[in-house]
Amino acid sequence: MFGPAHLTYIIASLLVTAGALVGFHYIKNQKWKDFVLKACALTCFLLHISIMWVDFFVSGEAVARDNILIPIYFCNILMYLFMVVAFMRKSGRAFRALSTFLAYGAFFGGMIALFYSVYLVNDPEITTYETVKSLLSHSILLLGCLYLFVGEYVKIRVSNVVPFLGGLAACFALGGLVLLLYTVFGLPHVDGLFMYSPAIEGVPILNGYFIGGGMLVLVFAFTVIFEQFSKKKGERWYNKSFKEFLAEI
């Protein structure tokens, strides 16, 4: 990782993402804003599953891999959630909660995959389609989550930590269900959420709970700082009643 090919992709990807967000910022028609969100979600999903067709046309055989059939990894869950959020009604508490978790979660997931893609360990020069599609799908996921902020689907406020915490809890519950299914059917466990193994071998503290807790702290710190500079003193989170705070969620 961090060879010439990887660094070139990081720089090019971030520049394209920034440029696209600047352009998307000028879209004011709600139908076109929704179209951008749906296009990003579909592109991300199709890139993810496209490996099956590429395998078939290259070798004459194709296998549906576990992370295509089942949302094993954090970004798998976010990708499917992206499809739900993009095509659901853009109002109501359910949309606010899901889109808020998606926006922050996909930012973390997209940035981690951009800088620390496991595919680059065996393919540092980015020569296989599997590496290319992984990088591109995560870049689209990152673009889509940032557009949730730019397109004003998600408002940045301290109360965002509540749906984010709920989303993390739901992810771990889903991770536990996946592990249970693997156990019931006698399959080797895949600890995609690092629930009982570290993300980096030899660093036991770096498990899914520690990473999730770190994300939660970062979301809280970011939203506190944002409100400090963007809202008047009387409108900040610590000046609101508990009822007013919950009403934002």
C-alpha atoms as a PDB file:
ATOM      1  CA  MET A   1       0.000   0.000   0.000  1.00  0.00           C
ATOM      2  CA  PHE A   2       0.882   3.665  -0.534  1.00  0.00           C
ATOM      3  CA  GLY A   3       2.914   2.834  -3.625  1.00  0.00           C
ATOM      4  CA  PRO A   4       2.755   5.104  -6.722  1.00  0.00           C
ATOM      5  CA  ALA A   5      -0.447   3.515  -8.047  1.00  0.00           C
ATOM      6  CA  HIS A   6      -2.224   3.743  -4.688  1.00  0.00           C
ATOM      7  CA  LEU A   7      -1.168   7.334  -4.003  1.00  0.00           C
ATOM      8  CA  THR A   8      -2.180   8.353  -7.519  1.00  0.00           C
ATOM      9  CA  TYR A   9      -5.609   6.816  -6.996  1.00  0.00           C
ATOM     10  CA  ILE A  10      -6.061   8.509  -3.608  1.00  0.00           C
ATOM     11  CA  ILE A  11      -5.248  11.951  -5.023  1.00  0.00           C
ATOM     12  CA  ALA A  12      -7.297  11.488  -8.217  1.00  0.00           C
ATOM     13  CA  SER A  13     -10.264  10.039  -6.325  1.00  0.00           C
ATOM     14  CA  LEU A  14     -10.406  12.832  -3.754  1.00  0.00           C
ATOM     15  CA  LEU A  15     -10.082  15.499  -6.456  1.00  0.00           C
ATOM     16  CA  VAL A  16     -12.880  13.957  -8.529  1.00  0.00           C
ATOM     17  CA  THR A  17     -15.055  13.596  -5.421  1.00  0.00           C
ATOM     18  CA  ALA A  18     -14.480  17.230  -4.439  1.00  0.00           C
ATOM     19  CA  GLY A  19     -15.186  18.421  -7.991  1.00  0.00           C
ATOM     20  CA  ALA A  20     -18.368  16.364  -8.238  1.00  0.00           C
ATOM     21  CA  LEU A  21     -19.641  17.695  -4.908  1.00  0.00           C
ATOM     22  CA  VAL A  22     -19.007  21.275  -6.010  1.00  0.00           C
ATOM     23  CA  GLY A  23     -21.000  20.606  -9.179  1.00  0.00           C
ATOM     24  CA  PHE A  24     -23.793  18.780  -7.341  1.00  0.00           C
ATOM     25  CA  HIS A  25     -24.062  21.687  -4.912  1.00  0.00           C
ATOM     26  CA  TYR A  26     -25.634  23.780  -7.681  1.00  0.00           C
ATOM     27  CA  ILE A  27     -28.472  21.283  -8.202  1.00  0.00           C
ATOM     28  CA  LYS A  28     -31.531  22.788  -6.538  1.00  0.00           C
ATOM     29  CA  ASN A  29     -34.368  20.779  -8.083  1.00  0.00           C
ATOM     30  CA  GLN A  30     -35.335  18.059  -5.600  1.00  0.00           C
ATOM     31  CA  LYS A  31     -36.021  15.469  -8.297  1.00  0.00           C
ATOM     32  CA  TRP A  32     -32.511  15.884  -9.726  1.00  0.00           C
ATOM     33  CA  LYS A  33     -30.999  15.783  -6.244  1.00  0.00           C
ATOM     34  CA  ASP A  34     -32.806  12.504  -5.618  1.00  0.00           C
ATOM     35  CA  PHE A  35     -31.603  11.261  -9.006  1.00  0.00           C
ATOM     36  CA  VAL A  36     -27.972  11.909  -8.037  1.00  0.00           C
ATOM     37  CA  LEU A  37     -28.456   9.969  -4.812  1.00  0.00           C
ATOM     38  CA  LYS A  38     -30.096   7.039  -6.605  1.00  0.00           C
ATOM     39  CA  ALA A  39     -27.439   7.019  -9.334  1.00  0.00           C
ATOM     40  CA  CYS A  40     -24.660   6.859  -6.738  1.00  0.00           C
ATOM     41  CA  ALA A  41     -26.394   4.045  -4.836  1.00  0.00           C
ATOM     42  CA  LEU A  42     -27.009   1.971  -7.970  1.00  0.00           C
ATOM     43  CA  THR A  43     -23.491   2.529  -9.296  1.00  0.00           C
ATOM     44  CA  CYS A  44     -21.982   1.479  -5.977  1.00  0.00           C
ATOM     45  CA  PHE A  45     -24.098  -1.687  -5.857  1.00  0.00           C
ATOM     46  CA  LEU A  46     -23.522  -2.649  -9.499  1.00  0.00           C
ATOM     47  CA  LEU A  47     -19.774  -2.176  -9.148  1.00  0.00           C
ATOM     48  CA  HIS A  48     -19.826  -4.443  -6.100  1.00  0.00           C
ATOM     49  CA  ILE A  49     -21.593  -7.332  -7.845  1.00  0.00           C
ATOM     50  CA  SER A  50     -19.966  -6.791 -11.268  1.00  0.00           C
ATOM     51  CA  ILE A  51     -17.112  -9.125 -10.293  1.00  0.00           C
ATOM     52  CA  MET A  52     -19.432 -12.084 -11.036  1.00  0.00           C
ATOM     53  CA  TRP A  53     -19.902 -11.058 -14.659  1.00  0.00           C
ATOM     54  CA  VAL A  54     -16.230 -10.239 -15.113  1.00  0.00           C
ATOM     55  CA  ASP A  55     -15.262 -13.647 -13.697  1.00  0.00           C
ATOM     56  CA  PHE A  56     -17.730 -15.356 -16.030  1.00  0.00           C
ATOM     57  CA  PHE A  57     -16.594 -13.653 -19.225  1.00  0.00           C
ATOM     58  CA  VAL A  58     -12.916 -14.088 -18.353  1.00  0.00           C
ATOM     59  CA  SER A  59     -12.964 -17.704 -17.184  1.00  0.00           C
ATOM     60  CA  GLY A  60     -16.355 -19.046 -18.241  1.00  0.00           C
ATOM     61  CA  GLU A  61     -17.313 -19.567 -14.598  1.00  0.00           C
ATOM     62  CA  ALA A  62     -18.681 -17.295 -11.910  1.00  0.00           C
ATOM     63  CA  VAL A  63     -19.180 -17.753  -8.186  1.00  0.00           C
ATOM     64  CA  ALA A  64     -21.348 -15.566  -5.953  1.00  0.00           C
ATOM     65  CA  ARG A  65     -18.946 -14.743  -3.125  1.00  0.00           C
ATOM     66  CA  ASP A  66     -20.024 -14.540   0.487  1.00  0.00           C
ATOM     67  CA  ASN A  67     -19.819 -10.751   0.698  1.00  0.00           C
ATOM     68  CA  ILE A  68     -22.171 -10.499  -2.298  1.00  0.00           C
ATOM     69  CA  LEU A  69     -24.747 -12.911  -0.884  1.00  0.00           C
ATOM     70  CA  ILE A  70     -24.532 -11.616   2.705  1.00  0.00           C
ATOM     71  CA  PRO A  71     -23.635  -8.188   4.175  1.00  0.00           C
ATOM     72  CA  ILE A  72     -20.593  -9.419   6.075  1.00  0.00           C
ATOM     73  CA  TYR A  73     -18.471  -6.288   6.240  1.00  0.00           C
ATOM     74  CA  PHE A  74     -19.291  -2.795   7.488  1.00  0.00           C
ATOM     75  CA  CYS A  75     -19.210  -1.302   3.999  1.00  0.00           C
ATOM     76  CA  ASN A  76     -21.400  -4.158   2.692  1.00  0.00           C
ATOM     77  CA  ILE A  77     -24.062  -3.137   5.195  1.00  0.00           C
ATOM     78  CA  LEU A  78     -23.702   0.519   4.243  1.00  0.00           C
ATOM     79  CA  MET A  79     -23.937  -0.276   0.529  1.00  0.00           C
ATOM     80  CA  TYR A  80     -27.281  -2.055   0.980  1.00  0.00           C
ATOM     81  CA  LEU A  81     -28.467   0.685   3.333  1.00  0.00           C
ATOM     82  CA  PHE A  82     -27.492   3.232   0.668  1.00  0.00           C
ATOM     83  CA  MET A  83     -29.913   1.535  -1.746  1.00  0.00           C
ATOM     84  CA  VAL A  84     -32.699   1.704   0.853  1.00  0.00           C
ATOM     85  CA  VAL A  85     -32.053   5.359   1.731  1.00  0.00           C
ATOM     86  CA  ALA A  86     -31.759   6.465  -1.905  1.00  0.00           C
ATOM     87  CA  PHE A  87     -35.109   4.973  -2.899  1.00  0.00           C
ATOM     88  CA  MET A  88     -37.188   5.575   0.235  1.00  0.00           C
ATOM     89  CA  ARG A  89     -39.398   8.589   0.888  1.00  0.00           C
ATOM     90  CA  LYS A  90     -37.151  11.524   1.791  1.00  0.00           C
ATOM     91  CA  SER A  91     -39.012  12.627   4.892  1.00  0.00           C
ATOM     92  CA  GLY A  92     -39.895  11.315   8.292  1.00  0.00           C
ATOM     93  CA  ARG A  93     -37.910  10.112  11.285  1.00  0.00           C
ATOM     94  CA  ALA A  94     -36.940   6.796   9.683  1.00  0.00           C
ATOM     95  CA  PHE A  95     -35.274   8.534   6.754  1.00  0.00           C
ATOM     96  CA  ARG A  96     -33.497  11.008   9.049  1.00  0.00           C
ATOM     97  CA  ALA A  97     -32.130   8.239  11.251  1.00  0.00           C
ATOM     98  CA  LEU A  98     -31.015   5.930   8.434  1.00  0.00           C
ATOM     99  CA  SER A  99     -29.525   8.674   6.279  1.00  0.00           C
ATOM    100  CA  THR A 100     -27.661  10.149   9.260  1.00  0.00           C
ATOM    101  CA  PHE A 101     -26.066   6.823  10.144  1.00  0.00           C
ATOM    102  CA  LEU A 102     -25.261   6.200   6.473  1.00  0.00           C
ATOM    103  CA  ALA A 103     -23.679   9.626   5.983  1.00  0.00           C
ATOM    104  CA  TYR A 104     -21.210   9.296   8.848  1.00  0.00           C
ATOM    105  CA  GLY A 105     -20.700   5.545   8.564  1.00  0.00           C
ATOM    106  CA  ALA A 106     -19.982   5.640   4.846  1.00  0.00           C
ATOM    107  CA  PHE A 107     -17.556   8.509   5.351  1.00  0.00           C
ATOM    108  CA  PHE A 108     -15.525   6.428   7.800  1.00  0.00           C
ATOM    109  CA  GLY A 109     -15.878   3.257   5.739  1.00  0.00           C
ATOM    110  CA  GLY A 110     -15.033   4.974   2.469  1.00  0.00           C
ATOM    111  CA  MET A 111     -11.992   6.774   3.842  1.00  0.00           C
ATOM    112  CA  ILE A 112     -10.651   3.657   5.570  1.00  0.00           C
ATOM    113  CA  ALA A 113     -11.037   1.612   2.377  1.00  0.00           C
ATOM    114  CA  LEU A 114      -9.440   4.375   0.316  1.00  0.00           C
ATOM    115  CA  PHE A 115      -6.332   4.540   2.491  1.00  0.00           C
ATOM    116  CA  TYR A 116      -6.218   0.952   3.783  1.00  0.00           C
ATOM    117  CA  SER A 117      -7.746  -1.389   1.204  1.00  0.00           C
ATOM    118  CA  VAL A 118      -7.023  -5.048   1.964  1.00  0.00           C
ATOM    119  CA  TYR A 119      -6.978  -5.764  -1.776  1.00  0.00           C
ATOM    120  CA  LEU A 120      -3.855  -3.648  -2.166  1.00  0.00           C
ATOM    121  CA  VAL A 121      -1.876  -6.000   0.063  1.00  0.00           C
ATOM    122  CA  ASN A 122      -1.773  -8.564  -2.754  1.00  0.00           C
ATOM    123  CA  ASP A 123      -2.231  -6.133  -5.634  1.00  0.00           C
ATOM    124  CA  PRO A 124      -0.265  -2.944  -4.857  1.00  0.00           C
ATOM    125  CA  GLU A 125      -0.092  -1.920  -8.517  1.00  0.00           C
ATOM    126  CA  ILE A 126      -3.907  -2.126  -8.906  1.00  0.00           C
ATOM    127  CA  THR A 127      -3.814  -4.558 -11.822  1.00  0.00           C
ATOM    128  CA  THR A 128      -6.846  -6.774 -11.113  1.00  0.00           C
ATOM    129  CA  TYR A 129     -10.476  -5.917 -11.648  1.00  0.00           C
ATOM    130  CA  GLU A 130     -11.308  -6.984  -8.099  1.00  0.00           C
ATOM    131  CA  THR A 131      -9.038  -4.260  -6.691  1.00  0.00           C
ATOM    132  CA  VAL A 132     -10.303  -1.675  -9.183  1.00  0.00           C
ATOM    133  CA  LYS A 133     -13.981  -2.350  -8.489  1.00  0.00           C
ATOM    134  CA  SER A 134     -13.367  -2.313  -4.725  1.00  0.00           C
ATOM    135  CA  LEU A 135     -11.662   1.076  -4.857  1.00  0.00           C
ATOM    136  CA  LEU A 136     -14.261   2.541  -7.215  1.00  0.00           C
ATOM    137  CA  SER A 137     -17.263   1.240  -5.270  1.00  0.00           C
ATOM    138  CA  HIS A 138     -15.898   2.670  -2.027  1.00  0.00           C
ATOM    139  CA  SER A 139     -15.185   5.990  -3.754  1.00  0.00           C
ATOM    140  CA  ILE A 140     -18.795   6.137  -4.963  1.00  0.00           C
ATOM    141  CA  LEU A 141     -19.966   5.243  -1.459  1.00  0.00           C
ATOM    142  CA  LEU A 142     -17.863   8.117  -0.107  1.00  0.00           C
ATOM    143  CA  LEU A 143     -19.250  10.505  -2.733  1.00  0.00           C
ATOM    144  CA  GLY A 144     -22.815   9.486  -1.954  1.00  0.00           C
ATOM    145  CA  CYS A 145     -22.442   9.891   1.802  1.00  0.00           C
ATOM    146  CA  LEU A 146     -20.891  13.328   1.420  1.00  0.00           C
ATOM    147  CA  TYR A 147     -23.708  14.316  -0.925  1.00  0.00           C
ATOM    148  CA  LEU A 148     -26.159  13.550   1.876  1.00  0.00           C
ATOM    149  CA  PHE A 149     -24.553  16.519   3.652  1.00  0.00           C
ATOM    150  CA  VAL A 150     -24.064  18.716   0.569  1.00  0.00           C
ATOM    151  CA  GLY A 151     -27.572  17.991  -0.713  1.00  0.00           C
ATOM    152  CA  GLU A 152     -28.941  18.905   2.739  1.00  0.00           C
ATOM    153  CA  TYR A 153     -30.522  15.524   3.349  1.00  0.00           C
ATOM    154  CA  VAL A 154     -28.621  15.330   6.645  1.00  0.00           C
ATOM    155  CA  LYS A 155     -28.255  18.323   8.930  1.00  0.00           C
ATOM    156  CA  ILE A 156     -25.103  18.393  11.026  1.00  0.00           C
ATOM    157  CA  ARG A 157     -25.968  18.617  14.713  1.00  0.00           C
ATOM    158  CA  VAL A 158     -24.944  16.940  17.954  1.00  0.00           C
ATOM    159  CA  SER A 159     -28.113  14.838  18.025  1.00  0.00           C
ATOM    160  CA  ASN A 160     -26.597  12.915  15.064  1.00  0.00           C
ATOM    161  CA  VAL A 161     -24.748  10.783  17.627  1.00  0.00           C
ATOM    162  CA  VAL A 162     -28.015   9.062  18.630  1.00  0.00           C
ATOM    163  CA  PRO A 163     -28.899   7.513  15.231  1.00  0.00           C
ATOM    164  CA  PHE A 164     -25.207   6.817  14.653  1.00  0.00           C
ATOM    165  CA  LEU A 165     -25.031   4.873  17.926  1.00  0.00           C
ATOM    166  CA  GLY A 166     -28.225   3.037  17.014  1.00  0.00           C
ATOM    167  CA  GLY A 167     -26.807   2.184  13.603  1.00  0.00           C
ATOM    168  CA  LEU A 168     -23.623   0.783  15.129  1.00  0.00           C
ATOM    169  CA  ALA A 169     -25.665  -1.360  17.508  1.00  0.00           C
ATOM    170  CA  ALA A 170     -27.747  -2.660  14.586  1.00  0.00           C
ATOM    171  CA  CYS A 171     -24.561  -3.507  12.648  1.00  0.00           C
ATOM    172  CA  PHE A 172     -23.178  -5.542  15.540  1.00  0.00           C
ATOM    173  CA  ALA A 173     -26.535  -7.296  15.928  1.00  0.00           C
ATOM    174  CA  LEU A 174     -26.440  -8.172  12.229  1.00  0.00           C
ATOM    175  CA  GLY A 175     -22.835  -9.306  12.616  1.00  0.00           C
ATOM    176  CA  GLY A 176     -23.882 -11.609  15.439  1.00  0.00           C
ATOM    177  CA  LEU A 177     -26.683 -13.036  13.277  1.00  0.00           C
ATOM    178  CA  VAL A 178     -24.236 -13.710  10.434  1.00  0.00           C
ATOM    179  CA  LEU A 179     -21.875 -15.511  12.834  1.00  0.00           C
ATOM    180  CA  LEU A 180     -24.814 -17.562  14.128  1.00  0.00           C
ATOM    181  CA  LEU A 181     -25.808 -18.583  10.593  1.00  0.00           C
ATOM    182  CA  TYR A 182     -22.242 -19.604   9.794  1.00  0.00           C
ATOM    183  CA  THR A 183     -22.167 -21.684  12.973  1.00  0.00           C
ATOM    184  CA  VAL A 184     -25.522 -23.356  12.307  1.00  0.00           C
ATOM    185  CA  PHE A 185     -24.478 -24.372   8.800  1.00  0.00           C
ATOM    186  CA  GLY A 186     -20.972 -25.417   9.822  1.00  0.00           C
ATOM    187  CA  LEU A 187     -19.147 -22.785   7.791  1.00  0.00           C
ATOM    188  CA  PRO A 188     -15.804 -21.199   8.765  1.00  0.00           C
ATOM    189  CA  HIS A 189     -16.467 -17.947  10.587  1.00  0.00           C
ATOM    190  CA  VAL A 190     -15.824 -14.666   8.803  1.00  0.00           C
ATOM    191  CA  ASP A 191     -15.455 -11.924  11.413  1.00  0.00           C
ATOM    192  CA  GLY A 192     -16.173  -9.051   9.033  1.00  0.00           C
ATOM    193  CA  LEU A 193     -16.991  -6.611  11.846  1.00  0.00           C
ATOM    194  CA  PHE A 194     -14.007  -7.657  13.984  1.00  0.00           C
ATOM    195  CA  MET A 195     -16.262  -8.636  16.854  1.00  0.00           C
ATOM    196  CA  TYR A 196     -13.823 -11.155  18.324  1.00  0.00           C
ATOM    197  CA  SER A 197     -10.609 -10.501  16.382  1.00  0.00           C
ATOM    198  CA  PRO A 198      -8.558  -7.345  15.736  1.00  0.00           C
ATOM    199  CA  ALA A 199      -8.625  -5.457  12.444  1.00  0.00           C
ATOM    200  CA  ILE A 200      -4.819  -5.558  12.391  1.00  0.00           C
ATOM    201  CA  GLU A 201      -3.106  -8.732  13.553  1.00  0.00           C
ATOM    202  CA  GLY A 202      -1.056  -8.196  16.697  1.00  0.00           C
ATOM    203  CA  VAL A 203      -3.072  -5.158  17.831  1.00  0.00           C
ATOM    204  CA  PRO A 204      -5.796  -6.786  20.007  1.00  0.00           C
ATOM    205  CA  ILE A 205      -7.334  -3.498  21.150  1.00  0.00           C
ATOM    206  CA  LEU A 206      -8.162  -2.583  17.536  1.00  0.00           C
ATOM    207  CA  ASN A 207     -11.388  -4.583  17.379  1.00  0.00           C
ATOM    208  CA  GLY A 208     -14.790  -3.576  16.042  1.00  0.00           C
ATOM    209  CA  TYR A 209     -16.023  -2.219  19.368  1.00  0.00           C
ATOM    210  CA  PHE A 210     -12.973   0.010  19.802  1.00  0.00           C
ATOM    211  CA  ILE A 211     -13.220   1.241  16.191  1.00  0.00           C
ATOM    212  CA  GLY A 212     -16.958   1.864  16.548  1.00  0.00           C
ATOM    213  CA  GLY A 213     -16.405   3.738  19.808  1.00  0.00           C
ATOM    214  CA  GLY A 214     -13.728   5.839  18.149  1.00  0.00           C
ATOM    215  CA  MET A 215     -16.097   6.702  15.309  1.00  0.00           C
ATOM    216  CA  LEU A 216     -18.776   7.720  17.822  1.00  0.00           C
ATOM    217  CA  VAL A 217     -16.340  10.007  19.653  1.00  0.00           C
ATOM    218  CA  LEU A 218     -15.278  11.606  16.353  1.00  0.00           C
ATOM    219  CA  VAL A 219     -18.902  12.199  15.312  1.00  0.00           C
ATOM    220  CA  PHE A 220     -19.615  13.829  18.684  1.00  0.00           C
ATOM    221  CA  ALA A 221     -16.482  16.000  18.544  1.00  0.00           C
ATOM    222  CA  PHE A 222     -17.150  17.057  14.942  1.00  0.00           C
ATOM    223  CA  THR A 223     -20.787  17.981  15.556  1.00  0.00           C
ATOM    224  CA  VAL A 224     -19.964  19.875  18.763  1.00  0.00           C
ATOM    225  CA  ILE A 225     -17.327  21.948  16.948  1.00  0.00           C
ATOM    226  CA  PHE A 226     -19.656  22.478  13.977  1.00  0.00           C
ATOM    227  CA  GLU A 227     -22.478  23.766  16.181  1.00  0.00           C
ATOM    228  CA  GLN A 228     -20.045  25.980  18.067  1.00  0.00           C
ATOM    229  CA  PHE A 229     -19.207  27.871  14.884  1.00  0.00           C
ATOM    230  CA  SER A 230     -22.446  27.588  12.912  1.00  0.00           C
ATOM    231  CA  LYS A 231     -25.168  28.201  15.509  1.00  0.00           C
ATOM    232  CA  LYS A 232     -25.949  31.028  17.869  1.00  0.00           C
ATOM    233  CA  LYS A 233     -25.334  30.320  21.543  1.00  0.00           C
ATOM    234  CA  GLY A 234     -29.002  29.815  22.353  1.00  0.00           C
ATOM    235  CA  GLU A 235     -29.413  27.293  19.522  1.00  0.00           C
ATOM    236  CA  ARG A 236     -26.559  24.975  20.510  1.00  0.00           C
ATOM    237  CA  TRP A 237     -27.159  21.481  21.824  1.00  0.00           C
ATOM    238  CA  TYR A 238     -26.370  22.245  25.466  1.00  0.00           C
ATOM    239  CA  ASN A 239     -29.008  24.984  25.554  1.00  0.00           C
ATOM    240  CA  LYS A 240     -31.810  22.703  24.384  1.00  0.00           C
ATOM    241  CA  SER A 241     -34.167  20.734  26.551  1.00  0.00           C
ATOM    242  CA  PHE A 242     -34.073  16.951  26.376  1.00  0.00           C
ATOM    243  CA  LYS A 243     -37.386  17.018  24.492  1.00  0.00           C
ATOM    244  CA  GLU A 244     -36.031  19.507  21.939  1.00  0.00           C
ATOM    245  CA  PHE A 245     -32.868  17.419  21.551  1.00  0.00           C
ATOM    246  CA  LEU A 246     -34.862  14.234  20.856  1.00  0.00           C
ATOM    247  CA  ALA A 247     -37.162  16.069  18.434  1.00  0.00           C
ATOM    248  CA  GLU A 248     -34.178  16.611  16.100  1.00  0.00           C
ATOM    249  CA  ILE A 249     -33.517  12.898  15.735  1.00  0.00           C
END
